[in-house]
Amino acid sequence: KIDLTNEEHNKLENIIIRILKNNARVRFFLGGYGVF
């Protein structure tokens, strides 16, 4: 349970984009449980 602000959501998205741009292949592991 977490309330992500738009700013926090955008920061998270930018971090993910930076990872994708700087790596040829990426595996993301997610728990699929909860807001985050």
Full PDB file with SEQRES, HELIX, SHEET, SSBOND, CRYST1, ORIGX, SCALE, CONECT and MASTER records, all heavy atoms in Angstrom:
SEQRES   1 A   36  LYS ILE ASP LEU THR ASN GLU GLU HIS ASN LYS LEU GLU          
SEQRES   2 A   36  ASN ILE ILE ILE ARG ILE LEU LYS ASN ASN ALA ARG VAL          
SEQRES   3 A   36  ARG PHE PHE LEU GLY GLY TYR GLY VAL PHE                      
HELIX    1 AA1 ASN A    6  ASN A   22  1                                  17    
CRYST1    1.000    1.000    1.000  90.00  90.00  90.00 P 1           1          
ORIGX1      1.000000  0.000000  0.000000        0.00000                         
ORIGX2      0.000000  1.000000  0.000000        0.00000                         
ORIGX3      0.000000  0.000000  1.000000        0.00000                         
SCALE1      1.000000  0.000000  0.000000        0.00000                         
SCALE2      0.000000  1.000000  0.000000        0.00000                         
SCALE3      0.000000  0.000000  1.000000        0.00000                         
ATOM      1  N   LYS A   1       0.859  -1.191   0.000  1.00  0.00           N  
ATOM      2  CA  LYS A   1       0.000   0.000   0.000  1.00  0.00           C  
ATOM      3  C   LYS A   1       0.892   1.236   0.000  1.00  0.00           C  
ATOM      4  O   LYS A   1       1.648   1.456   0.938  1.00  0.00           O  
ATOM      5  CB  LYS A   1      -0.905   0.007   1.227  1.00  0.00           C  
ATOM      6  CG  LYS A   1      -1.865  -1.150   1.268  1.00  0.00           C  
ATOM      7  CD  LYS A   1      -2.684  -1.151   2.537  1.00  0.00           C  
ATOM      8  CE  LYS A   1      -3.563  -2.398   2.554  1.00  0.00           C  
ATOM      9  NZ  LYS A   1      -4.273  -2.547   3.798  1.00  0.00           N  
ATOM     10  N   ILE A   2       0.777   1.997  -1.075  1.00  0.00           N  
ATOM     11  CA  ILE A   2       1.579   3.214  -1.198  1.00  0.00           C  
ATOM     12  C   ILE A   2       0.860   4.153  -2.150  1.00  0.00           C  
ATOM     13  O   ILE A   2       0.214   3.725  -3.096  1.00  0.00           O  
ATOM     14  CB  ILE A   2       3.004   2.900  -1.716  1.00  0.00           C  
ATOM     15  CG1 ILE A   2       3.880   4.130  -1.712  1.00  0.00           C  
ATOM     16  CG2 ILE A   2       2.967   2.263  -3.065  1.00  0.00           C  
ATOM     17  CD1 ILE A   2       5.335   3.855  -2.019  1.00  0.00           C  
ATOM     18  N   ASP A   3       0.946   5.422  -1.873  1.00  0.00           N  
ATOM     19  CA  ASP A   3       0.378   6.428  -2.763  1.00  0.00           C  
ATOM     20  C   ASP A   3       1.522   7.071  -3.534  1.00  0.00           C  
ATOM     21  O   ASP A   3       2.259   7.891  -2.995  1.00  0.00           O  
ATOM     22  CB  ASP A   3      -0.380   7.507  -1.967  1.00  0.00           C  
ATOM     23  CG  ASP A   3      -1.646   6.973  -1.340  1.00  0.00           C  
ATOM     24  OD1 ASP A   3      -2.309   6.141  -1.975  1.00  0.00           O  
ATOM     25  OD2 ASP A   3      -1.977   7.404  -0.218  1.00  0.00           O  
ATOM     26  N   LEU A   4       1.687   6.642  -4.783  1.00  0.00           N  
ATOM     27  CA  LEU A   4       2.729   7.230  -5.618  1.00  0.00           C  
ATOM     28  C   LEU A   4       2.226   8.546  -6.187  1.00  0.00           C  
ATOM     29  O   LEU A   4       1.164   8.586  -6.802  1.00  0.00           O  
ATOM     30  CB  LEU A   4       3.080   6.301  -6.777  1.00  0.00           C  
ATOM     31  CG  LEU A   4       3.926   5.080  -6.475  1.00  0.00           C  
ATOM     32  CD1 LEU A   4       4.091   4.230  -7.721  1.00  0.00           C  
ATOM     33  CD2 LEU A   4       5.285   5.483  -5.950  1.00  0.00           C  
ATOM     34  N   THR A   5       3.003   9.592  -6.000  1.00  0.00           N  
ATOM     35  CA  THR A   5       2.665  10.869  -6.623  1.00  0.00           C  
ATOM     36  C   THR A   5       3.022  10.794  -8.100  1.00  0.00           C  
ATOM     37  O   THR A   5       3.757   9.896  -8.530  1.00  0.00           O  
ATOM     38  CB  THR A   5       3.440  12.030  -5.971  1.00  0.00           C  
ATOM     39  OG1 THR A   5       4.840  11.842  -6.240  1.00  0.00           O  
ATOM     40  CG2 THR A   5       3.201  12.104  -4.469  1.00  0.00           C  
ATOM     41  N   ASN A   6       2.507  11.712  -8.877  1.00  0.00           N  
ATOM     42  CA  ASN A   6       2.870  11.762 -10.298  1.00  0.00           C  
ATOM     43  C   ASN A   6       4.372  11.930 -10.468  1.00  0.00           C  
ATOM     44  O   ASN A   6       4.972  11.344 -11.370  1.00  0.00           O  
ATOM     45  CB  ASN A   6       2.127  12.897 -11.006  1.00  0.00           C  
ATOM     46  CG  ASN A   6       0.670  12.574 -11.232  1.00  0.00           C  
ATOM     47  OD1 ASN A   6       0.269  11.408 -11.235  1.00  0.00           O  
ATOM     48  ND2 ASN A   6      -0.138  13.601 -11.412  1.00  0.00           N  
ATOM     49  N   GLU A   7       4.965  12.742  -9.612  1.00  0.00           N  
ATOM     50  CA  GLU A   7       6.412  12.970  -9.681  1.00  0.00           C  
ATOM     51  C   GLU A   7       7.177  11.671  -9.421  1.00  0.00           C  
ATOM     52  O   GLU A   7       8.131  11.338 -10.147  1.00  0.00           O  
ATOM     53  CB  GLU A   7       6.836  14.033  -8.666  1.00  0.00           C  
ATOM     54  CG  GLU A   7       8.311  14.346  -8.698  1.00  0.00           C  
ATOM     55  CD  GLU A   7       8.724  15.380  -7.642  1.00  0.00           C  
ATOM     56  OE1 GLU A   7       7.856  15.945  -6.960  1.00  0.00           O  
ATOM     57  OE2 GLU A   7       9.941  15.594  -7.524  1.00  0.00           O  
ATOM     58  N   GLU A   8       6.761  10.899  -8.416  1.00  0.00           N  
ATOM     59  CA  GLU A   8       7.425   9.639  -8.105  1.00  0.00           C  
ATOM     60  C   GLU A   8       7.225   8.621  -9.236  1.00  0.00           C  
ATOM     61  O   GLU A   8       8.160   7.904  -9.614  1.00  0.00           O  
ATOM     62  CB  GLU A   8       6.889   9.065  -6.794  1.00  0.00           C  
ATOM     63  CG  GLU A   8       7.293   9.890  -5.590  1.00  0.00           C  
ATOM     64  CD  GLU A   8       6.510   9.545  -4.346  1.00  0.00           C  
ATOM     65  OE1 GLU A   8       5.366   9.040  -4.438  1.00  0.00           O  
ATOM     66  OE2 GLU A   8       7.053   9.790  -3.244  1.00  0.00           O  
ATOM     67  N   HIS A   9       6.024   8.591  -9.782  1.00  0.00           N  
ATOM     68  CA  HIS A   9       5.737   7.695 -10.902  1.00  0.00           C  
ATOM     69  C   HIS A   9       6.618   8.043 -12.098  1.00  0.00           C  
ATOM     70  O   HIS A   9       7.206   7.159 -12.737  1.00  0.00           O  
ATOM     71  CB  HIS A   9       4.255   7.792 -11.272  1.00  0.00           C  
ATOM     72  CG  HIS A   9       3.838   6.831 -12.332  1.00  0.00           C  
ATOM     73  ND1 HIS A   9       3.966   7.092 -13.675  1.00  0.00           N  
ATOM     74  CD2 HIS A   9       3.314   5.599 -12.239  1.00  0.00           C  
ATOM     75  CE1 HIS A   9       3.536   6.065 -14.363  1.00  0.00           C  
ATOM     76  NE2 HIS A   9       3.120   5.135 -13.515  1.00  0.00           N  
ATOM     77  N   ASN A  10       6.752   9.325 -12.407  1.00  0.00           N  
ATOM     78  CA  ASN A  10       7.588   9.772 -13.524  1.00  0.00           C  
ATOM     79  C   ASN A  10       9.060   9.446 -13.287  1.00  0.00           C  
ATOM     80  O   ASN A  10       9.770   9.063 -14.218  1.00  0.00           O  
ATOM     81  CB  ASN A  10       7.403  11.263 -13.777  1.00  0.00           C  
ATOM     82  CG  ASN A  10       6.030  11.583 -14.324  1.00  0.00           C  
ATOM     83  OD1 ASN A  10       5.345  10.724 -14.880  1.00  0.00           O  
ATOM     84  ND2 ASN A  10       5.600  12.829 -14.143  1.00  0.00           N  
ATOM     85  N   LYS A  11       9.527   9.598 -12.040  1.00  0.00           N  
ATOM     86  CA  LYS A  11      10.918   9.258 -11.722  1.00  0.00           C  
ATOM     87  C   LYS A  11      11.155   7.768 -11.938  1.00  0.00           C  
ATOM     88  O   LYS A  11      12.177   7.371 -12.501  1.00  0.00           O  
ATOM     89  CB  LYS A  11      11.248   9.634 -10.274  1.00  0.00           C  
ATOM     90  CG  LYS A  11      11.495  11.092 -10.061  1.00  0.00           C  
ATOM     91  CD  LYS A  11      11.884  11.363  -8.613  1.00  0.00           C  
ATOM     92  CE  LYS A  11      12.061  12.842  -8.367  1.00  0.00           C  
ATOM     93  NZ  LYS A  11      12.431  13.113  -6.961  1.00  0.00           N  
ATOM     94  N   LEU A  12      10.208   6.952 -11.489  1.00  0.00           N  
ATOM     95  CA  LEU A  12      10.318   5.508 -11.669  1.00  0.00           C  
ATOM     96  C   LEU A  12      10.351   5.143 -13.150  1.00  0.00           C  
ATOM     97  O   LEU A  12      11.196   4.362 -13.596  1.00  0.00           O  
ATOM     98  CB  LEU A  12       9.145   4.810 -10.970  1.00  0.00           C  
ATOM     99  CG  LEU A  12       9.080   3.291 -11.066  1.00  0.00           C  
ATOM    100  CD1 LEU A  12      10.331   2.650 -10.485  1.00  0.00           C  
ATOM    101  CD2 LEU A  12       7.833   2.785 -10.358  1.00  0.00           C  
ATOM    102  N   GLU A  13       9.474   5.751 -13.922  1.00  0.00           N  
ATOM    103  CA  GLU A  13       9.439   5.506 -15.359  1.00  0.00           C  
ATOM    104  C   GLU A  13      10.751   5.923 -16.016  1.00  0.00           C  
ATOM    105  O   GLU A  13      11.299   5.203 -16.864  1.00  0.00           O  
ATOM    106  CB  GLU A  13       8.268   6.241 -15.990  1.00  0.00           C  
ATOM    107  CG  GLU A  13       8.111   5.960 -17.468  1.00  0.00           C  
ATOM    108  CD  GLU A  13       6.874   6.610 -18.051  1.00  0.00           C  
ATOM    109  OE1 GLU A  13       6.595   7.785 -17.713  1.00  0.00           O  
ATOM    110  OE2 GLU A  13       6.197   5.944 -18.838  1.00  0.00           O  
ATOM    111  N   ASN A  14      11.295   7.068 -15.635  1.00  0.00           N  
ATOM    112  CA  ASN A  14      12.565   7.545 -16.203  1.00  0.00           C  
ATOM    113  C   ASN A  14      13.728   6.625 -15.855  1.00  0.00           C  
ATOM    114  O   ASN A  14      14.624   6.413 -16.681  1.00  0.00           O  
ATOM    115  CB  ASN A  14      12.854   8.980 -15.751  1.00  0.00           C  
ATOM    116  CG  ASN A  14      11.930   9.979 -16.415  1.00  0.00           C  
ATOM    117  OD1 ASN A  14      11.426   9.750 -17.511  1.00  0.00           O  
ATOM    118  ND2 ASN A  14      11.681  11.093 -15.741  1.00  0.00           N  
ATOM    119  N   ILE A  15      13.722   6.069 -14.653  1.00  0.00           N  
ATOM    120  CA  ILE A  15      14.769   5.116 -14.262  1.00  0.00           C  
ATOM    121  C   ILE A  15      14.680   3.862 -15.129  1.00  0.00           C  
ATOM    122  O   ILE A  15      15.693   3.363 -15.628  1.00  0.00           O  
ATOM    123  CB  ILE A  15      14.652   4.760 -12.763  1.00  0.00           C  
ATOM    124  CG1 ILE A  15      15.046   5.971 -11.911  1.00  0.00           C  
ATOM    125  CG2 ILE A  15      15.501   3.544 -12.411  1.00  0.00           C  
ATOM    126  CD1 ILE A  15      14.709   5.832 -10.432  1.00  0.00           C  
ATOM    127  N   ILE A  16      13.466   3.370 -15.329  1.00  0.00           N  
ATOM    128  CA  ILE A  16      13.270   2.179 -16.157  1.00  0.00           C  
ATOM    129  C   ILE A  16      13.715   2.452 -17.592  1.00  0.00           C  
ATOM    130  O   ILE A  16      14.403   1.634 -18.210  1.00  0.00           O  
ATOM    131  CB  ILE A  16      11.799   1.714 -16.095  1.00  0.00           C  
ATOM    132  CG1 ILE A  16      11.476   1.199 -14.681  1.00  0.00           C  
ATOM    133  CG2 ILE A  16      11.523   0.639 -17.146  1.00  0.00           C  
ATOM    134  CD1 ILE A  16      10.006   0.921 -14.442  1.00  0.00           C  
ATOM    135  N   ILE A  17      13.350   3.603 -18.127  1.00  0.00           N  
ATOM    136  CA  ILE A  17      13.751   3.960 -19.490  1.00  0.00           C  
ATOM    137  C   ILE A  17      15.268   4.038 -19.605  1.00  0.00           C  
ATOM    138  O   ILE A  17      15.847   3.538 -20.569  1.00  0.00           O  
ATOM    139  CB  ILE A  17      13.086   5.291 -19.922  1.00  0.00           C  
ATOM    140  CG1 ILE A  17      11.580   5.080 -20.138  1.00  0.00           C  
ATOM    141  CG2 ILE A  17      13.735   5.851 -21.189  1.00  0.00           C  
ATOM    142  CD1 ILE A  17      10.786   6.358 -20.333  1.00  0.00           C  
ATOM    143  N   ARG A  18      15.904   4.628 -18.625  1.00  0.00           N  
ATOM    144  CA  ARG A  18      17.374   4.726 -18.638  1.00  0.00           C  
ATOM    145  C   ARG A  18      18.000   3.325 -18.641  1.00  0.00           C  
ATOM    146  O   ARG A  18      18.963   3.059 -19.369  1.00  0.00           O  
ATOM    147  CB  ARG A  18      17.863   5.519 -17.434  1.00  0.00           C  
ATOM    148  CG  ARG A  18      19.317   5.874 -17.488  1.00  0.00           C  
ATOM    149  CD  ARG A  18      19.725   6.852 -16.408  1.00  0.00           C  
ATOM    150  NE  ARG A  18      18.604   7.179 -15.533  1.00  0.00           N  
ATOM    151  CZ  ARG A  18      18.693   7.422 -14.244  1.00  0.00           C  
ATOM    152  NH1 ARG A  18      19.852   7.413 -13.648  1.00  0.00           N  
ATOM    153  NH2 ARG A  18      17.637   7.708 -13.508  1.00  0.00           N  
ATOM    154  N   ILE A  19      17.450   2.412 -17.843  1.00  0.00           N  
ATOM    155  CA  ILE A  19      17.948   1.041 -17.812  1.00  0.00           C  
ATOM    156  C   ILE A  19      17.782   0.388 -19.190  1.00  0.00           C  
ATOM    157  O   ILE A  19      18.692  -0.269 -19.687  1.00  0.00           O  
ATOM    158  CB  ILE A  19      17.209   0.222 -16.722  1.00  0.00           C  
ATOM    159  CG1 ILE A  19      17.634   0.706 -15.327  1.00  0.00           C  
ATOM    160  CG2 ILE A  19      17.479  -1.279 -16.876  1.00  0.00           C  
ATOM    161  CD1 ILE A  19      16.770   0.165 -14.191  1.00  0.00           C  
ATOM    162  N   LEU A  20      16.617   0.595 -19.796  1.00  0.00           N  
ATOM    163  CA  LEU A  20      16.351  -0.014 -21.107  1.00  0.00           C  
ATOM    164  C   LEU A  20      17.254   0.550 -22.196  1.00  0.00           C  
ATOM    165  O   LEU A  20      17.709  -0.177 -23.074  1.00  0.00           O  
ATOM    166  CB  LEU A  20      14.882   0.176 -21.483  1.00  0.00           C  
ATOM    167  CG  LEU A  20      13.887  -0.615 -20.624  1.00  0.00           C  
ATOM    168  CD1 LEU A  20      12.461  -0.185 -20.924  1.00  0.00           C  
ATOM    169  CD2 LEU A  20      14.065  -2.105 -20.839  1.00  0.00           C  
ATOM    170  N   LYS A  21      17.520   1.840 -22.139  1.00  0.00           N  
ATOM    171  CA  LYS A  21      18.379   2.467 -23.142  1.00  0.00           C  
ATOM    172  C   LYS A  21      19.837   2.038 -23.004  1.00  0.00           C  
ATOM    173  O   LYS A  21      20.573   2.012 -23.987  1.00  0.00           O  
ATOM    174  CB  LYS A  21      18.293   3.990 -23.035  1.00  0.00           C  
ATOM    175  CG  LYS A  21      17.012   4.567 -23.589  1.00  0.00           C  
ATOM    176  CD  LYS A  21      17.025   6.079 -23.497  1.00  0.00           C  
ATOM    177  CE  LYS A  21      15.801   6.699 -24.129  1.00  0.00           C  
ATOM    178  NZ  LYS A  21      15.830   8.174 -24.035  1.00  0.00           N  
ATOM    179  N   ASN A  22      20.268   1.706 -21.797  1.00  0.00           N  
ATOM    180  CA  ASN A  22      21.672   1.416 -21.536  1.00  0.00           C  
ATOM    181  C   ASN A  22      22.008  -0.069 -21.500  1.00  0.00           C  
ATOM    182  O   ASN A  22      23.153  -0.436 -21.216  1.00  0.00           O  
ATOM    183  CB  ASN A  22      22.122   2.073 -20.234  1.00  0.00           C  
ATOM    184  CG  ASN A  22      22.138   3.583 -20.346  1.00  0.00           C  
ATOM    185  OD1 ASN A  22      22.572   4.131 -21.354  1.00  0.00           O  
ATOM    186  ND2 ASN A  22      21.647   4.258 -19.326  1.00  0.00           N  
ATOM    187  N   ASN A  23      21.019  -0.926 -21.774  1.00  0.00           N  
ATOM    188  CA  ASN A  23      21.254  -2.366 -21.724  1.00  0.00           C  
ATOM    189  C   ASN A  23      20.595  -3.039 -22.919  1.00  0.00           C  
ATOM    190  O   ASN A  23      19.461  -2.717 -23.273  1.00  0.00           O  
ATOM    191  CB  ASN A  23      20.696  -2.948 -20.423  1.00  0.00           C  
ATOM    192  CG  ASN A  23      21.450  -2.445 -19.218  1.00  0.00           C  
ATOM    193  OD1 ASN A  23      22.509  -2.948 -18.886  1.00  0.00           O  
ATOM    194  ND2 ASN A  23      20.918  -1.417 -18.585  1.00  0.00           N  
ATOM    195  N   ALA A  24      21.313  -3.991 -23.497  1.00  0.00           N  
ATOM    196  CA  ALA A  24      20.794  -4.676 -24.685  1.00  0.00           C  
ATOM    197  C   ALA A  24      19.595  -5.566 -24.345  1.00  0.00           C  
ATOM    198  O   ALA A  24      18.661  -5.681 -25.127  1.00  0.00           O  
ATOM    199  CB  ALA A  24      21.894  -5.522 -25.319  1.00  0.00           C  
ATOM    200  N   ARG A  25      19.612  -6.170 -23.179  1.00  0.00           N  
ATOM    201  CA  ARG A  25      18.532  -7.072 -22.763  1.00  0.00           C  
ATOM    202  C   ARG A  25      18.339  -6.946 -21.258  1.00  0.00           C  
ATOM    203  O   ARG A  25      19.308  -6.953 -20.507  1.00  0.00           O  
ATOM    204  CB  ARG A  25      18.908  -8.516 -23.115  1.00  0.00           C  
ATOM    205  CG  ARG A  25      17.787  -9.475 -23.013  1.00  0.00           C  
ATOM    206  CD  ARG A  25      16.885  -9.382 -24.240  1.00  0.00           C  
ATOM    207  NE  ARG A  25      15.730 -10.236 -24.038  1.00  0.00           N  
ATOM    208  CZ  ARG A  25      14.494  -9.890 -24.321  1.00  0.00           C  
ATOM    209  NH1 ARG A  25      14.241  -8.726 -24.855  1.00  0.00           N  
ATOM    210  NH2 ARG A  25      13.499 -10.700 -24.110  1.00  0.00           N  
ATOM    211  N   VAL A  26      17.083  -6.844 -20.823  1.00  0.00           N  
ATOM    212  CA  VAL A  26      16.792  -6.664 -19.406  1.00  0.00           C  
ATOM    213  C   VAL A  26      15.684  -7.629 -18.989  1.00  0.00           C  
ATOM    214  O   VAL A  26      14.707  -7.818 -19.721  1.00  0.00           O  
ATOM    215  CB  VAL A  26      16.346  -5.211 -19.087  1.00  0.00           C  
ATOM    216  CG1 VAL A  26      16.146  -5.019 -17.596  1.00  0.00           C  
ATOM    217  CG2 VAL A  26      17.338  -4.203 -19.626  1.00  0.00           C  
ATOM    218  N   ARG A  27      15.852  -8.216 -17.826  1.00  0.00           N  
ATOM    219  CA  ARG A  27      14.806  -9.024 -17.199  1.00  0.00           C  
ATOM    220  C   ARG A  27      14.323  -8.266 -15.969  1.00  0.00           C  
ATOM    221  O   ARG A  27      15.115  -7.916 -15.104  1.00  0.00           O  
ATOM    222  CB  ARG A  27      15.345 -10.364 -16.729  1.00  0.00           C  
ATOM    223  CG  ARG A  27      15.517 -11.370 -17.766  1.00  0.00           C  
ATOM    224  CD  ARG A  27      15.910 -12.679 -17.129  1.00  0.00           C  
ATOM    225  NE  ARG A  27      15.966 -13.682 -18.158  1.00  0.00           N  
ATOM    226  CZ  ARG A  27      16.597 -14.819 -18.017  1.00  0.00           C  
ATOM    227  NH1 ARG A  27      17.209 -15.101 -16.902  1.00  0.00           N  
ATOM    228  NH2 ARG A  27      16.598 -15.689 -18.993  1.00  0.00           N  
ATOM    229  N   PHE A  28      13.020  -8.057 -15.916  1.00  0.00           N  
ATOM    230  CA  PHE A  28      12.414  -7.413 -14.751  1.00  0.00           C  
ATOM    231  C   PHE A  28      11.621  -8.458 -13.975  1.00  0.00           C  
ATOM    232  O   PHE A  28      10.757  -9.130 -14.533  1.00  0.00           O  
ATOM    233  CB  PHE A  28      11.463  -6.290 -15.182  1.00  0.00           C  
ATOM    234  CG  PHE A  28      12.156  -5.102 -15.785  1.00  0.00           C  
ATOM    235  CD1 PHE A  28      12.183  -4.927 -17.158  1.00  0.00           C  
ATOM    236  CD2 PHE A  28      12.772  -4.158 -14.985  1.00  0.00           C  
ATOM    237  CE1 PHE A  28      12.798  -3.823 -17.722  1.00  0.00           C  
ATOM    238  CE2 PHE A  28      13.403  -3.052 -15.538  1.00  0.00           C  
ATOM    239  CZ  PHE A  28      13.418  -2.895 -16.908  1.00  0.00           C  
ATOM    240  N   PHE A  29      11.933  -8.597 -12.703  1.00  0.00           N  
ATOM    241  CA  PHE A  29      11.203  -9.502 -11.827  1.00  0.00           C  
ATOM    242  C   PHE A  29      10.219  -8.687 -10.988  1.00  0.00           C  
ATOM    243  O   PHE A  29      10.606  -7.679 -10.380  1.00  0.00           O  
ATOM    244  CB  PHE A  29      12.156 -10.263 -10.906  1.00  0.00           C  
ATOM    245  CG  PHE A  29      12.946 -11.319 -11.607  1.00  0.00           C  
ATOM    246  CD1 PHE A  29      14.198 -11.042 -12.123  1.00  0.00           C  
ATOM    247  CD2 PHE A  29      12.427 -12.591 -11.761  1.00  0.00           C  
ATOM    248  CE1 PHE A  29      14.933 -12.018 -12.775  1.00  0.00           C  
ATOM    249  CE2 PHE A  29      13.151 -13.575 -12.418  1.00  0.00           C  
ATOM    250  CZ  PHE A  29      14.408 -13.287 -12.920  1.00  0.00           C  
ATOM    251  N   LEU A  30       8.969  -9.130 -10.990  1.00  0.00           N  
ATOM    252  CA  LEU A  30       7.915  -8.442 -10.237  1.00  0.00           C  
ATOM    253  C   LEU A  30       7.164  -9.440  -9.373  1.00  0.00           C  
ATOM    254  O   LEU A  30       6.917 -10.573  -9.791  1.00  0.00           O  
ATOM    255  CB  LEU A  30       6.908  -7.789 -11.187  1.00  0.00           C  
ATOM    256  CG  LEU A  30       7.457  -6.654 -12.016  1.00  0.00           C  
ATOM    257  CD1 LEU A  30       6.858  -6.666 -13.394  1.00  0.00           C  
ATOM    258  CD2 LEU A  30       7.157  -5.353 -11.322  1.00  0.00           C  
ATOM    259  N   GLY A  31       6.764  -8.976  -8.201  1.00  0.00           N  
ATOM    260  CA  GLY A  31       6.003  -9.835  -7.306  1.00  0.00           C  
ATOM    261  C   GLY A  31       4.529  -9.897  -7.640  1.00  0.00           C  
ATOM    262  O   GLY A  31       3.835 -10.832  -7.274  1.00  0.00           O  
ATOM    263  N   GLY A  32       4.026  -8.903  -8.347  1.00  0.00           N  
ATOM    264  CA  GLY A  32       2.611  -8.909  -8.695  1.00  0.00           C  
ATOM    265  C   GLY A  32       1.702  -8.774  -7.495  1.00  0.00           C  
ATOM    266  O   GLY A  32       0.569  -9.229  -7.502  1.00  0.00           O  
ATOM    267  N   TYR A  33       2.209  -8.143  -6.447  1.00  0.00           N  
ATOM    268  CA  TYR A  33       1.430  -8.015  -5.223  1.00  0.00           C  
ATOM    269  C   TYR A  33       1.622  -6.598  -4.681  1.00  0.00           C  
ATOM    270  O   TYR A  33       2.723  -6.223  -4.311  1.00  0.00           O  
ATOM    271  CB  TYR A  33       1.903  -9.039  -4.189  1.00  0.00           C  
ATOM    272  CG  TYR A  33       1.121  -9.030  -2.909  1.00  0.00           C  
ATOM    273  CD1 TYR A  33      -0.075  -9.730  -2.808  1.00  0.00           C  
ATOM    274  CD2 TYR A  33       1.567  -8.332  -1.807  1.00  0.00           C  
ATOM    275  CE1 TYR A  33      -0.804  -9.727  -1.643  1.00  0.00           C  
ATOM    276  CE2 TYR A  33       0.846  -8.315  -0.632  1.00  0.00           C  
ATOM    277  CZ  TYR A  33      -0.335  -9.022  -0.554  1.00  0.00           C  
ATOM    278  OH  TYR A  33      -1.054  -9.010   0.604  1.00  0.00           O  
ATOM    279  N   GLY A  34       0.597  -5.843  -4.678  1.00  0.00           N  
ATOM    280  CA  GLY A  34       0.678  -4.518  -4.090  1.00  0.00           C  
ATOM    281  C   GLY A  34       0.779  -3.405  -5.111  1.00  0.00           C  
ATOM    282  O   GLY A  34       1.010  -3.627  -6.294  1.00  0.00           O  
ATOM    283  N   VAL A  35       0.597  -2.203  -4.619  1.00  0.00           N  
ATOM    284  CA  VAL A  35       0.517  -1.010  -5.462  1.00  0.00           C  
ATOM    285  C   VAL A  35       1.819  -0.756  -6.208  1.00  0.00           C  
ATOM    286  O   VAL A  35       1.815  -0.455  -7.400  1.00  0.00           O  
ATOM    287  CB  VAL A  35       0.106   0.217  -4.612  1.00  0.00           C  
ATOM    288  CG1 VAL A  35       0.113   1.488  -5.442  1.00  0.00           C  
ATOM    289  CG2 VAL A  35      -1.268  -0.009  -3.995  1.00  0.00           C  
ATOM    290  N   PHE A  36       2.949  -0.877  -5.526  1.00  0.00           N  
ATOM    291  CA  PHE A  36       4.230  -0.597  -6.174  1.00  0.00           C  
ATOM    292  C   PHE A  36       4.487  -1.576  -7.314  1.00  0.00           C  
ATOM    293  O   PHE A  36       4.895  -1.180  -8.413  1.00  0.00           O  
ATOM    294  CB  PHE A  36       5.376  -0.632  -5.165  1.00  0.00           C  
ATOM    295  CG  PHE A  36       6.706  -0.288  -5.769  1.00  0.00           C  
ATOM    296  CD1 PHE A  36       7.016   1.029  -6.078  1.00  0.00           C  
ATOM    297  CD2 PHE A  36       7.636  -1.272  -6.045  1.00  0.00           C  
ATOM    298  CE1 PHE A  36       8.242   1.359  -6.656  1.00  0.00           C  
ATOM    299  CE2 PHE A  36       8.863  -0.952  -6.612  1.00  0.00           C  
ATOM    300  CZ  PHE A  36       9.166   0.362  -6.915  1.00  0.00           C  
TER     301      PHE A  36                                                      
MASTER        0    0    0    1    0    0    0    6  300    1    0    3          
END                                                                             
